[in-house]
PDB file of N, CA and C in Angstrom:
ATOM      1  N   MET A   1      16.907   2.961  10.389  1.00  0.00           N
ATOM      2  CA  MET A   1      15.558   3.333  10.638  1.00  0.00           C
ATOM      3  C   MET A   1      14.599   2.169  10.606  1.00  0.00           C
ATOM      4  N   THR A   2      13.634   2.160  11.421  1.00  0.00           N
ATOM      5  CA  THR A   2      12.755   1.109  11.278  1.00  0.00           C
ATOM      6  C   THR A   2      11.753   1.255  10.207  1.00  0.00           C
ATOM      7  N   PRO A   3      11.668   0.227   9.415  1.00  0.00           N
ATOM      8  CA  PRO A   3      10.724   0.181   8.289  1.00  0.00           C
ATOM      9  C   PRO A   3       9.218   0.331   8.863  1.00  0.00           C
ATOM     10  N   THR A   4       8.352   0.967   8.081  1.00  0.00           N
ATOM     11  CA  THR A   4       6.880   1.044   8.241  1.00  0.00           C
ATOM     12  C   THR A   4       6.110   0.195   7.210  1.00  0.00           C
ATOM     13  N   LEU A   5       5.227  -0.667   7.885  1.00  0.00           N
ATOM     14  CA  LEU A   5       4.318  -1.424   6.989  1.00  0.00           C
ATOM     15  C   LEU A   5       2.928  -0.797   7.045  1.00  0.00           C
ATOM     16  N   TYR A   6       2.437  -0.324   5.878  1.00  0.00           N
ATOM     17  CA  TYR A   6       1.212   0.319   5.714  1.00  0.00           C
ATOM     18  C   TYR A   6       0.177  -0.720   5.062  1.00  0.00           C
ATOM     19  N   GLY A   7      -1.103  -0.531   5.656  1.00  0.00           N
ATOM     20  CA  GLY A   7      -2.105  -1.344   5.177  1.00  0.00           C
ATOM     21  C   GLY A   7      -3.322  -1.549   6.131  1.00  0.00           C
ATOM     22  N   ILE A   8      -3.850  -2.649   5.996  1.00  0.00           N
ATOM     23  CA  ILE A   8      -5.353  -2.868   6.835  1.00  0.00           C
ATOM     24  C   ILE A   8      -5.017  -4.177   7.501  1.00  0.00           C
ATOM     25  N   ARG A   9      -5.403  -4.229   8.839  1.00  0.00           N
ATOM     26  CA  ARG A   9      -4.921  -5.189   9.834  1.00  0.00           C
ATOM     27  C   ARG A   9      -5.510  -6.532   9.276  1.00  0.00           C
ATOM     28  N   ASN A  10      -6.675  -6.638   8.754  1.00  0.00           N
ATOM     29  CA  ASN A  10      -7.337  -7.938   8.576  1.00  0.00           C
ATOM     30  C   ASN A  10      -7.175  -8.455   7.114  1.00  0.00           C
ATOM     31  N   CYS A  11      -6.322  -7.848   6.373  1.00  0.00           N
ATOM     32  CA  CYS A  11      -6.005  -8.286   4.883  1.00  0.00           C
ATOM     33  C   CYS A  11      -5.316  -9.328   4.886  1.00  0.00           C
ATOM     34  N   ASP A  12      -5.431 -10.514   4.085  1.00  0.00           N
ATOM     35  CA  ASP A  12      -4.765 -11.618   3.972  1.00  0.00           C
ATOM     36  C   ASP A  12      -3.350 -11.516   3.580  1.00  0.00           C
ATOM     37  N   THR A  13      -3.225 -10.516   2.760  1.00  0.00           N
ATOM     38  CA  THR A  13      -1.804 -10.232   2.115  1.00  0.00           C
ATOM     39  C   THR A  13      -1.025  -9.535   3.121  1.00  0.00           C
ATOM     40  N   MET A  14      -1.744  -8.628   3.976  1.00  0.00           N
ATOM     41  CA  MET A  14      -0.938  -8.063   5.133  1.00  0.00           C
ATOM     42  C   MET A  14      -0.453  -9.119   6.040  1.00  0.00           C
ATOM     43  N   LYS A  15      -1.538  -9.959   6.345  1.00  0.00           N
ATOM     44  CA  LYS A  15      -1.024 -10.935   7.329  1.00  0.00           C
ATOM     45  C   LYS A  15       0.144 -11.722   6.975  1.00  0.00           C
ATOM     46  N   LYS A  16       0.197 -12.039   5.577  1.00  0.00           N
ATOM     47  CA  LYS A  16       1.420 -12.870   5.026  1.00  0.00           C
ATOM     48  C   LYS A  16       2.651 -11.931   5.148  1.00  0.00           C
ATOM     49  N   ALA A  17       2.460 -10.689   4.856  1.00  0.00           N
ATOM     50  CA  ALA A  17       3.686  -9.774   4.870  1.00  0.00           C
ATOM     51  C   ALA A  17       4.148  -9.737   6.299  1.00  0.00           C
ATOM     52  N   ARG A  18       3.393  -9.524   7.281  1.00  0.00           N
ATOM     53  CA  ARG A  18       3.695  -9.396   8.677  1.00  0.00           C
ATOM     54  C   ARG A  18       4.345 -10.641   9.196  1.00  0.00           C
ATOM     55  N   ALA A  19       3.775 -11.722   8.816  1.00  0.00           N
ATOM     56  CA  ALA A  19       4.214 -13.156   9.255  1.00  0.00           C
ATOM     57  C   ALA A  19       5.737 -13.196   8.718  1.00  0.00           C
ATOM     58  N   TRP A  20       5.995 -12.940   7.382  1.00  0.00           N
ATOM     59  CA  TRP A  20       7.144 -13.009   6.913  1.00  0.00           C
ATOM     60  C   TRP A  20       8.298 -12.228   7.619  1.00  0.00           C
ATOM     61  N   LEU A  21       7.902 -10.818   7.911  1.00  0.00           N
ATOM     62  CA  LEU A  21       8.765  -9.874   8.704  1.00  0.00           C
ATOM     63  C   LEU A  21       9.065 -10.523   9.963  1.00  0.00           C
ATOM     64  N   ASP A  22       8.030 -10.947  10.798  1.00  0.00           N
ATOM     65  CA  ASP A  22       8.091 -11.506  12.057  1.00  0.00           C
ATOM     66  C   ASP A  22       9.144 -12.755  12.066  1.00  0.00           C
ATOM     67  N   ALA A  23       8.992 -13.653  11.011  1.00  0.00           N
ATOM     68  CA  ALA A  23       9.871 -14.974  10.958  1.00  0.00           C
ATOM     69  C   ALA A  23      11.128 -14.676  10.602  1.00  0.00           C
ATOM     70  N   HIS A  24      11.532 -13.454   9.919  1.00  0.00           N
ATOM     71  CA  HIS A  24      12.855 -13.066   9.571  1.00  0.00           C
ATOM     72  C   HIS A  24      13.455 -12.025  10.602  1.00  0.00           C
ATOM     73  N   GLY A  25      12.763 -11.923  11.643  1.00  0.00           N
ATOM     74  CA  GLY A  25      13.408 -10.843  12.630  1.00  0.00           C
ATOM     75  C   GLY A  25      13.538  -9.502  12.175  1.00  0.00           C
ATOM     76  N   VAL A  26      12.613  -9.097  11.350  1.00  0.00           N
ATOM     77  CA  VAL A  26      12.598  -7.621  10.943  1.00  0.00           C
ATOM     78  C   VAL A  26      11.798  -6.777  11.844  1.00  0.00           C
ATOM     79  N   ALA A  27      12.340  -5.854  12.430  1.00  0.00           N
ATOM     80  CA  ALA A  27      11.426  -5.123  13.411  1.00  0.00           C
ATOM     81  C   ALA A  27      10.860  -4.003  12.421  1.00  0.00           C
ATOM     82  N   TYR A  28       9.555  -3.667  12.582  1.00  0.00           N
ATOM     83  CA  TYR A  28       9.009  -2.711  11.752  1.00  0.00           C
ATOM     84  C   TYR A  28       7.854  -2.188  12.575  1.00  0.00           C
ATOM     85  N   ARG A  29       7.251  -0.967  12.018  1.00  0.00           N
ATOM     86  CA  ARG A  29       6.277  -0.324  12.718  1.00  0.00           C
ATOM     87  C   ARG A  29       5.059  -0.535  11.717  1.00  0.00           C
ATOM     88  N   PHE A  30       3.870  -0.859  12.156  1.00  0.00           N
ATOM     89  CA  PHE A  30       2.663  -1.097  11.480  1.00  0.00           C
ATOM     90  C   PHE A  30       1.693   0.075  11.542  1.00  0.00           C
ATOM     91  N   HIS A  31       1.210   0.576  10.338  1.00  0.00           N
ATOM     92  CA  HIS A  31       0.179   1.616  10.280  1.00  0.00           C
ATOM     93  C   HIS A  31      -0.999   1.088   9.535  1.00  0.00           C
ATOM     94  N   ASP A  32      -2.134   1.028  10.276  1.00  0.00           N
ATOM     95  CA  ASP A  32      -3.445   0.666   9.661  1.00  0.00           C
ATOM     96  C   ASP A  32      -4.053   1.940   9.193  1.00  0.00           C
ATOM     97  N   TYR A  33      -3.973   2.163   7.930  1.00  0.00           N
ATOM     98  CA  TYR A  33      -4.411   3.398   7.194  1.00  0.00           C
ATOM     99  C   TYR A  33      -6.020   3.405   7.274  1.00  0.00           C
ATOM    100  N   LYS A  34      -6.734   2.417   7.371  1.00  0.00           N
ATOM    101  CA  LYS A  34      -8.041   2.372   7.513  1.00  0.00           C
ATOM    102  C   LYS A  34      -8.419   2.915   9.020  1.00  0.00           C
ATOM    103  N   MET A  35      -7.806   2.551   9.916  1.00  0.00           N
ATOM    104  CA  MET A  35      -7.990   3.057  11.180  1.00  0.00           C
ATOM    105  C   MET A  35      -7.389   4.329  11.519  1.00  0.00           C
ATOM    106  N   GLN A  36      -6.047   4.493  11.064  1.00  0.00           N
ATOM    107  CA  GLN A  36      -5.346   5.756  11.473  1.00  0.00           C
ATOM    108  C   GLN A  36      -5.290   6.808  10.543  1.00  0.00           C
ATOM    109  N   GLY A  37      -5.874   6.425   9.289  1.00  0.00           N
ATOM    110  CA  GLY A  37      -5.905   7.398   8.173  1.00  0.00           C
ATOM    111  C   GLY A  37      -4.488   7.532   7.348  1.00  0.00           C
ATOM    112  N   VAL A  38      -4.438   8.151   6.323  1.00  0.00           N
ATOM    113  CA  VAL A  38      -3.150   8.383   5.600  1.00  0.00           C
ATOM    114  C   VAL A  38      -3.217   9.745   5.056  1.00  0.00           C
ATOM    115  N   GLU A  39      -2.126  10.466   5.064  1.00  0.00           N
ATOM    116  CA  GLU A  39      -1.854  11.814   4.642  1.00  0.00           C
ATOM    117  C   GLU A  39      -1.641  11.831   3.168  1.00  0.00           C
ATOM    118  N   ARG A  40      -2.102  12.883   2.499  1.00  0.00           N
ATOM    119  CA  ARG A  40      -2.116  13.288   1.034  1.00  0.00           C
ATOM    120  C   ARG A  40      -0.582  13.002   0.757  1.00  0.00           C
ATOM    121  N   ALA A  41       0.315  13.718   1.430  1.00  0.00           N
ATOM    122  CA  ALA A  41       1.901  13.741   1.065  1.00  0.00           C
ATOM    123  C   ALA A  41       2.409  12.436   1.096  1.00  0.00           C
ATOM    124  N   LEU A  42       1.815  11.386   1.888  1.00  0.00           N
ATOM    125  CA  LEU A  42       2.409  10.152   1.791  1.00  0.00           C
ATOM    126  C   LEU A  42       2.016   9.396   0.596  1.00  0.00           C
ATOM    127  N   VAL A  43       0.740   9.393   0.251  1.00  0.00           N
ATOM    128  CA  VAL A  43       0.183   8.813  -0.855  1.00  0.00           C
ATOM    129  C   VAL A  43       0.745   9.279  -2.055  1.00  0.00           C
ATOM    130  N   GLU A  44       0.980  10.726  -2.106  1.00  0.00           N
ATOM    131  CA  GLU A  44       1.802  11.449  -3.229  1.00  0.00           C
ATOM    132  C   GLU A  44       3.233  10.884  -3.468  1.00  0.00           C
ATOM    133  N   ALA A  45       3.756  10.470  -2.244  1.00  0.00           N
ATOM    134  CA  ALA A  45       5.103  10.097  -2.482  1.00  0.00           C
ATOM    135  C   ALA A  45       5.205   8.663  -2.874  1.00  0.00           C
ATOM    136  N   TRP A  46       4.297   7.888  -2.476  1.00  0.00           N
ATOM    137  CA  TRP A  46       4.191   6.567  -2.970  1.00  0.00           C
ATOM    138  C   TRP A  46       4.028   6.458  -4.461  1.00  0.00           C
ATOM    139  N   VAL A  47       2.940   7.390  -4.878  1.00  0.00           N
ATOM    140  CA  VAL A  47       2.763   7.370  -6.273  1.00  0.00           C
ATOM    141  C   VAL A  47       3.967   7.902  -7.092  1.00  0.00           C
ATOM    142  N   ASP A  48       4.646   8.949  -6.535  1.00  0.00           N
ATOM    143  CA  ASP A  48       5.783   9.481  -7.143  1.00  0.00           C
ATOM    144  C   ASP A  48       6.873   8.430  -7.318  1.00  0.00           C
ATOM    145  N   ARG A  49       7.036   7.639  -6.277  1.00  0.00           N
ATOM    146  CA  ARG A  49       7.947   6.384  -6.269  1.00  0.00           C
ATOM    147  C   ARG A  49       7.708   5.236  -7.129  1.00  0.00           C
ATOM    148  N   ALA A  50       6.464   4.910  -7.252  1.00  0.00           N
ATOM    149  CA  ALA A  50       6.087   3.573  -7.850  1.00  0.00           C
ATOM    150  C   ALA A  50       5.064   3.746  -8.825  1.00  0.00           C
ATOM    151  N   GLY A  51       4.460   4.905  -9.054  1.00  0.00           N
ATOM    152  CA  GLY A  51       3.511   5.126 -10.113  1.00  0.00           C
ATOM    153  C   GLY A  51       2.116   4.901  -9.748  1.00  0.00           C
ATOM    154  N   TRP A  52       1.010   5.678  -9.952  1.00  0.00           N
ATOM    155  CA  TRP A  52      -0.152   5.488  -9.483  1.00  0.00           C
ATOM    156  C   TRP A  52      -0.856   4.100  -9.891  1.00  0.00           C
ATOM    157  N   GLU A  53      -0.490   3.816 -10.897  1.00  0.00           N
ATOM    158  CA  GLU A  53      -1.041   2.380 -11.563  1.00  0.00           C
ATOM    159  C   GLU A  53      -0.552   1.347 -10.490  1.00  0.00           C
ATOM    160  N   ALA A  54       0.579   1.311  -9.985  1.00  0.00           N
ATOM    161  CA  ALA A  54       0.978   0.103  -8.858  1.00  0.00           C
ATOM    162  C   ALA A  54       0.239   0.512  -7.592  1.00  0.00           C
ATOM    163  N   VAL A  55       0.117   1.613  -7.117  1.00  0.00           N
ATOM    164  CA  VAL A  55      -0.433   1.922  -5.876  1.00  0.00           C
ATOM    165  C   VAL A  55      -1.893   1.655  -5.811  1.00  0.00           C
ATOM    166  N   ILE A  56      -2.765   2.040  -6.831  1.00  0.00           N
ATOM    167  CA  ILE A  56      -4.170   1.783  -6.721  1.00  0.00           C
ATOM    168  C   ILE A  56      -4.490   0.362  -6.924  1.00  0.00           C
ATOM    169  N   ASN A  57      -5.410  -0.191  -6.021  1.00  0.00           N
ATOM    170  CA  ASN A  57      -5.671  -1.581  -6.099  1.00  0.00           C
ATOM    171  C   ASN A  57      -7.008  -1.761  -6.992  1.00  0.00           C
ATOM    172  N   ARG A  58      -6.772  -1.849  -8.207  1.00  0.00           N
ATOM    173  CA  ARG A  58      -7.940  -2.075  -9.155  1.00  0.00           C
ATOM    174  C   ARG A  58      -8.643  -3.333  -9.002  1.00  0.00           C
ATOM    175  N   ALA A  59      -8.175  -4.451  -8.291  1.00  0.00           N
ATOM    176  CA  ALA A  59      -8.577  -5.662  -8.285  1.00  0.00           C
ATOM    177  C   ALA A  59      -9.520  -5.855  -6.969  1.00  0.00           C
ATOM    178  N   GLY A  60      -9.455  -4.804  -6.205  1.00  0.00           N
ATOM    179  CA  GLY A  60     -10.204  -4.751  -5.022  1.00  0.00           C
ATOM    180  C   GLY A  60     -11.527  -4.568  -4.967  1.00  0.00           C
ATOM    181  N   THR A  61     -12.326  -4.935  -4.033  1.00  0.00           N
ATOM    182  CA  THR A  61     -13.833  -4.870  -4.007  1.00  0.00           C
ATOM    183  C   THR A  61     -14.259  -3.381  -4.121  1.00  0.00           C
ATOM    184  N   THR A  62     -13.431  -2.637  -3.476  1.00  0.00           N
ATOM    185  CA  THR A  62     -13.722  -1.051  -3.300  1.00  0.00           C
ATOM    186  C   THR A  62     -13.779  -0.463  -4.644  1.00  0.00           C
ATOM    187  N   PHE A  63     -12.791  -0.838  -5.392  1.00  0.00           N
ATOM    188  CA  PHE A  63     -12.467  -0.101  -6.712  1.00  0.00           C
ATOM    189  C   PHE A  63     -13.608  -0.546  -7.694  1.00  0.00           C
ATOM    190  N   ARG A  64     -13.814  -2.000  -7.588  1.00  0.00           N
ATOM    191  CA  ARG A  64     -14.789  -2.632  -8.578  1.00  0.00           C
ATOM    192  C   ARG A  64     -16.284  -2.062  -8.295  1.00  0.00           C
ATOM    193  N   LYS A  65     -16.586  -1.766  -7.175  1.00  0.00           N
ATOM    194  CA  LYS A  65     -17.883  -1.288  -6.887  1.00  0.00           C
ATOM    195  C   LYS A  65     -18.005   0.131  -7.345  1.00  0.00           C
ATOM    196  N   LEU A  66     -17.046   0.948  -7.691  1.00  0.00           N
ATOM    197  CA  LEU A  66     -17.140   2.353  -8.293  1.00  0.00           C
ATOM    198  C   LEU A  66     -18.074   2.359  -9.380  1.00  0.00           C
ATOM    199  N   PRO A  67     -18.793   3.340  -9.625  1.00  0.00           N
ATOM    200  CA  PRO A  67     -19.484   3.420 -10.911  1.00  0.00           C
ATOM    201  C   PRO A  67     -18.651   3.427 -12.212  1.00  0.00           C
ATOM    202  N   ASP A  68     -19.022   2.805 -13.195  1.00  0.00           N
ATOM    203  CA  ASP A  68     -17.996   2.901 -14.295  1.00  0.00           C
ATOM    204  C   ASP A  68     -17.445   4.235 -14.704  1.00  0.00           C
ATOM    205  N   ALA A  69     -18.287   5.246 -14.545  1.00  0.00           N
ATOM    206  CA  ALA A  69     -17.769   6.589 -14.902  1.00  0.00           C
ATOM    207  C   ALA A  69     -16.646   7.133 -14.021  1.00  0.00           C
ATOM    208  N   GLU A  70     -16.529   6.668 -12.763  1.00  0.00           N
ATOM    209  CA  GLU A  70     -15.440   7.087 -11.839  1.00  0.00           C
ATOM    210  C   GLU A  70     -14.326   6.094 -12.165  1.00  0.00           C
ATOM    211  N   LYS A  71     -14.367   5.098 -12.825  1.00  0.00           N
ATOM    212  CA  LYS A  71     -13.203   4.091 -13.154  1.00  0.00           C
ATOM    213  C   LYS A  71     -12.521   4.582 -14.428  1.00  0.00           C
ATOM    214  N   THR A  72     -13.115   5.295 -15.153  1.00  0.00           N
ATOM    215  CA  THR A  72     -12.589   5.561 -16.540  1.00  0.00           C
ATOM    216  C   THR A  72     -11.935   7.010 -16.500  1.00  0.00           C
ATOM    217  N   GLY A  73     -10.873   7.034 -17.249  1.00  0.00           N
ATOM    218  CA  GLY A  73     -10.126   8.472 -17.397  1.00  0.00           C
ATOM    219  C   GLY A  73      -9.492   8.885 -16.090  1.00  0.00           C
ATOM    220  N   ILE A  74      -8.812   7.747 -15.397  1.00  0.00           N
ATOM    221  CA  ILE A  74      -8.068   7.909 -14.134  1.00  0.00           C
ATOM    222  C   ILE A  74      -6.722   8.350 -14.384  1.00  0.00           C
ATOM    223  N   ASP A  75      -6.317   9.400 -13.726  1.00  0.00           N
ATOM    224  CA  ASP A  75      -4.901   9.874 -13.880  1.00  0.00           C
ATOM    225  C   ASP A  75      -4.226   9.976 -12.517  1.00  0.00           C
ATOM    226  N   ARG A  76      -2.971  10.466 -12.379  1.00  0.00           N
ATOM    227  CA  ARG A  76      -2.352  10.517 -11.151  1.00  0.00           C
ATOM    228  C   ARG A  76      -3.134  11.209 -10.033  1.00  0.00           C
ATOM    229  N   ASP A  77      -3.595  12.389 -10.433  1.00  0.00           N
ATOM    230  CA  ASP A  77      -4.499  13.179  -9.408  1.00  0.00           C
ATOM    231  C   ASP A  77      -5.750  12.536  -9.059  1.00  0.00           C
ATOM    232  N   ARG A  78      -6.469  12.112 -10.040  1.00  0.00           N
ATOM    233  CA  ARG A  78      -7.723  11.325  -9.588  1.00  0.00           C
ATOM    234  C   ARG A  78      -7.534  10.088  -8.849  1.00  0.00           C
ATOM    235  N   ALA A  79      -6.479   9.364  -9.234  1.00  0.00           N
ATOM    236  CA  ALA A  79      -6.147   8.161  -8.431  1.00  0.00           C
ATOM    237  C   ALA A  79      -5.778   8.493  -6.896  1.00  0.00           C
ATOM    238  N   ILE A  80      -4.966   9.590  -6.628  1.00  0.00           N
ATOM    239  CA  ILE A  80      -4.828   9.910  -5.422  1.00  0.00           C
ATOM    240  C   ILE A  80      -6.094  10.417  -4.515  1.00  0.00           C
ATOM    241  N   THR A  81      -6.962  11.006  -5.237  1.00  0.00           N
ATOM    242  CA  THR A  81      -8.240  11.565  -4.576  1.00  0.00           C
ATOM    243  C   THR A  81      -9.038  10.252  -4.293  1.00  0.00           C
ATOM    244  N   LEU A  82      -9.043   9.346  -5.236  1.00  0.00           N
ATOM    245  CA  LEU A  82      -9.938   8.113  -4.993  1.00  0.00           C
ATOM    246  C   LEU A  82      -9.191   7.316  -3.719  1.00  0.00           C
ATOM    247  N   MET A  83      -7.990   7.269  -3.678  1.00  0.00           N
ATOM    248  CA  MET A  83      -7.340   6.479  -2.723  1.00  0.00           C
ATOM    249  C   MET A  83      -7.410   7.222  -1.128  1.00  0.00           C
ATOM    250  N   LEU A  84      -7.540   8.596  -1.306  1.00  0.00           N
ATOM    251  CA  LEU A  84      -7.602   9.201   0.054  1.00  0.00           C
ATOM    252  C   LEU A  84      -9.084   9.091   0.639  1.00  0.00           C
ATOM    253  N   ALA A  85      -9.894   9.161  -0.376  1.00  0.00           N
ATOM    254  CA  ALA A  85     -11.467   8.952  -0.100  1.00  0.00           C
ATOM    255  C   ALA A  85     -11.694   7.574   0.424  1.00  0.00           C
ATOM    256  N   GLN A  86     -11.123   6.668  -0.185  1.00  0.00           N
ATOM    257  CA  GLN A  86     -11.383   5.258   0.276  1.00  0.00           C
ATOM    258  C   GLN A  86      -9.960   4.610   0.287  1.00  0.00           C
ATOM    259  N   PRO A  87      -9.344   4.553   1.451  1.00  0.00           N
ATOM    260  CA  PRO A  87      -7.968   4.015   1.729  1.00  0.00           C
ATOM    261  C   PRO A  87      -7.935   2.524   1.426  1.00  0.00           C
ATOM    262  N   SER A  88      -9.272   1.905   1.203  1.00  0.00           N
ATOM    263  CA  SER A  88      -9.091   0.478   0.956  1.00  0.00           C
ATOM    264  C   SER A  88      -8.658   0.292  -0.642  1.00  0.00           C
ATOM    265  N   MET A  89      -8.553   1.406  -1.263  1.00  0.00           N
ATOM    266  CA  MET A  89      -8.130   1.344  -2.795  1.00  0.00           C
ATOM    267  C   MET A  89      -6.635   1.403  -2.801  1.00  0.00           C
ATOM    268  N   ILE A  90      -6.017   1.505  -1.820  1.00  0.00           N
ATOM    269  CA  ILE A  90      -4.569   1.459  -1.814  1.00  0.00           C
ATOM    270  C   ILE A  90      -4.101  -0.201  -1.787  1.00  0.00           C
ATOM    271  N   LYS A  91      -3.218  -0.391  -2.772  1.00  0.00           N
ATOM    272  CA  LYS A  91      -2.846  -1.792  -2.727  1.00  0.00           C
ATOM    273  C   LYS A  91      -1.971  -2.148  -1.394  1.00  0.00           C
ATOM    274  N   ARG A  92      -2.075  -3.303  -1.114  1.00  0.00           N
ATOM    275  CA  ARG A  92      -1.479  -3.684   0.234  1.00  0.00           C
ATOM    276  C   ARG A  92      -0.518  -4.795  -0.073  1.00  0.00           C
ATOM    277  N   PRO A  93       0.486  -4.818   0.734  1.00  0.00           N
ATOM    278  CA  PRO A  93       0.902  -3.623   1.894  1.00  0.00           C
ATOM    279  C   PRO A  93       1.808  -2.696   1.057  1.00  0.00           C
ATOM    280  N   VAL A  94       2.059  -1.532   1.735  1.00  0.00           N
ATOM    281  CA  VAL A  94       2.987  -0.680   1.229  1.00  0.00           C
ATOM    282  C   VAL A  94       4.117  -0.736   2.271  1.00  0.00           C
ATOM    283  N   LEU A  95       5.359  -0.997   1.872  1.00  0.00           N
ATOM    284  CA  LEU A  95       6.409  -1.065   2.714  1.00  0.00           C
ATOM    285  C   LEU A  95       7.400   0.007   2.487  1.00  0.00           C
ATOM    286  N   ASP A  96       7.583   0.976   3.591  1.00  0.00           N
ATOM    287  CA  ASP A  96       8.539   2.012   3.417  1.00  0.00           C
ATOM    288  C   ASP A  96       9.863   1.615   4.281  1.00  0.00           C
ATOM    289  N   ALA A  97      10.918   1.283   3.625  1.00  0.00           N
ATOM    290  CA  ALA A  97      12.084   0.856   4.435  1.00  0.00           C
ATOM    291  C   ALA A  97      13.218   1.842   4.021  1.00  0.00           C
ATOM    292  N   GLY A  98      13.223   2.992   4.766  1.00  0.00           N
ATOM    293  CA  GLY A  98      14.117   4.100   4.657  1.00  0.00           C
ATOM    294  C   GLY A  98      14.357   4.696   3.223  1.00  0.00           C
ATOM    295  N   GLY A  99      13.193   4.913   2.605  1.00  0.00           N
ATOM    296  CA  GLY A  99      13.160   5.474   1.306  1.00  0.00           C
ATOM    297  C   GLY A  99      12.879   4.553   0.167  1.00  0.00           C
ATOM    298  N   GLU A 100      13.219   3.132   0.439  1.00  0.00           N
ATOM    299  CA  GLU A 100      12.761   2.100  -0.371  1.00  0.00           C
ATOM    300  C   GLU A 100      11.271   1.789  -0.190  1.00  0.00           C
ATOM    301  N   VAL A 101      10.510   1.871  -1.140  1.00  0.00           N
ATOM    302  CA  VAL A 101       9.061   1.662  -1.136  1.00  0.00           C
ATOM    303  C   VAL A 101       8.753   0.459  -1.914  1.00  0.00           C
ATOM    304  N   ARG A 102       8.071  -0.613  -1.463  1.00  0.00           N
ATOM    305  CA  ARG A 102       7.750  -1.707  -2.083  1.00  0.00           C
ATOM    306  C   ARG A 102       6.139  -1.826  -1.993  1.00  0.00           C
ATOM    307  N   ILE A 103       5.529  -2.142  -3.052  1.00  0.00           N
ATOM    308  CA  ILE A 103       4.018  -2.108  -2.999  1.00  0.00           C
ATOM    309  C   ILE A 103       3.712  -3.686  -3.389  1.00  0.00           C
ATOM    310  N   GLY A 104       2.882  -3.976  -2.347  1.00  0.00           N
ATOM    311  CA  GLY A 104       2.451  -5.461  -2.534  1.00  0.00           C
ATOM    312  C   GLY A 104       3.393  -6.417  -1.740  1.00  0.00           C
ATOM    313  N   PHE A 105       3.096  -7.806  -1.589  1.00  0.00           N
ATOM    314  CA  PHE A 105       4.107  -8.545  -0.916  1.00  0.00           C
ATOM    315  C   PHE A 105       4.515  -9.600  -1.937  1.00  0.00           C
ATOM    316  N   ASP A 106       5.776  -9.846  -1.862  1.00  0.00           N
ATOM    317  CA  ASP A 106       6.558 -10.856  -2.577  1.00  0.00           C
ATOM    318  C   ASP A 106       7.705 -11.334  -1.725  1.00  0.00           C
ATOM    319  N   PRO A 107       7.835 -12.670  -1.157  1.00  0.00           N
ATOM    320  CA  PRO A 107       8.679 -12.990  -0.338  1.00  0.00           C
ATOM    321  C   PRO A 107      10.219 -12.683  -0.949  1.00  0.00           C
ATOM    322  N   ALA A 108      10.373 -13.023  -2.166  1.00  0.00           N
ATOM    323  CA  ALA A 108      11.705 -12.790  -2.752  1.00  0.00           C
ATOM    324  C   ALA A 108      12.054 -11.160  -2.661  1.00  0.00           C
ATOM    325  N   THR A 109      11.283 -10.377  -2.907  1.00  0.00           N
ATOM    326  CA  THR A 109      11.476  -8.910  -2.811  1.00  0.00           C
ATOM    327  C   THR A 109      11.900  -8.528  -1.488  1.00  0.00           C
ATOM    328  N   TYR A 110      11.146  -8.964  -0.344  1.00  0.00           N
ATOM    329  CA  TYR A 110      11.383  -8.678   0.941  1.00  0.00           C
ATOM    330  C   TYR A 110      12.725  -9.291   1.233  1.00  0.00           C
ATOM    331  N   ALA A 111      13.145 -10.566   0.851  1.00  0.00           N
ATOM    332  CA  ALA A 111      14.285 -11.084   1.230  1.00  0.00           C
ATOM    333  C   ALA A 111      15.536 -10.190   0.731  1.00  0.00           C
ATOM    334  N   ALA A 112      15.402  -9.829  -0.616  1.00  0.00           N
ATOM    335  CA  ALA A 112      16.540  -8.989  -1.304  1.00  0.00           C
ATOM    336  C   ALA A 112      16.555  -7.679  -0.428  1.00  0.00           C
ATOM    337  N   LEU A 113      15.666  -7.064   0.032  1.00  0.00           N
ATOM    338  CA  LEU A 113      15.523  -5.766   0.717  1.00  0.00           C
ATOM    339  C   LEU A 113      16.216  -5.981   2.021  1.00  0.00           C
ATOM    340  N   PHE A 114      16.021  -7.048   2.766  1.00  0.00           N
ATOM    341  CA  PHE A 114      16.387  -7.122   4.119  1.00  0.00           C
ATOM    342  C   PHE A 114      17.538  -8.102   4.157  1.00  0.00           C
ATOM    343  N   SER A 115      18.203  -8.494   3.243  1.00  0.00           N
ATOM    344  CA  SER A 115      19.423  -9.477   3.139  1.00  0.00           C
ATOM    345  C   SER A 115      20.755  -8.710   3.770  1.00  0.00           C
TER     346      SER A 115
END
């Protein structure tokens, strides 16, 4: 099965992940969830596998611009709602490689996954 890399085309971390995959000859499908959208079931699956704390991008501008009241008391369901409303709040990249889900980019993690 061909892995799918989810993210936003112009993100610097996405560019690094795509460059790594290309340099190592890993065929993949790219899904730009800012342009193509993302389904609730998919975000829920990522959250179920990795935890909402790993999937939501609290360091990003979109999250930081939220009013303080919206940033407090976040739980699984609230995090999913926020990420669906603003896909930029999903940490990038999300790599789905045949049921193995990796959040963020780490060359050593990718190397272990594709060795």
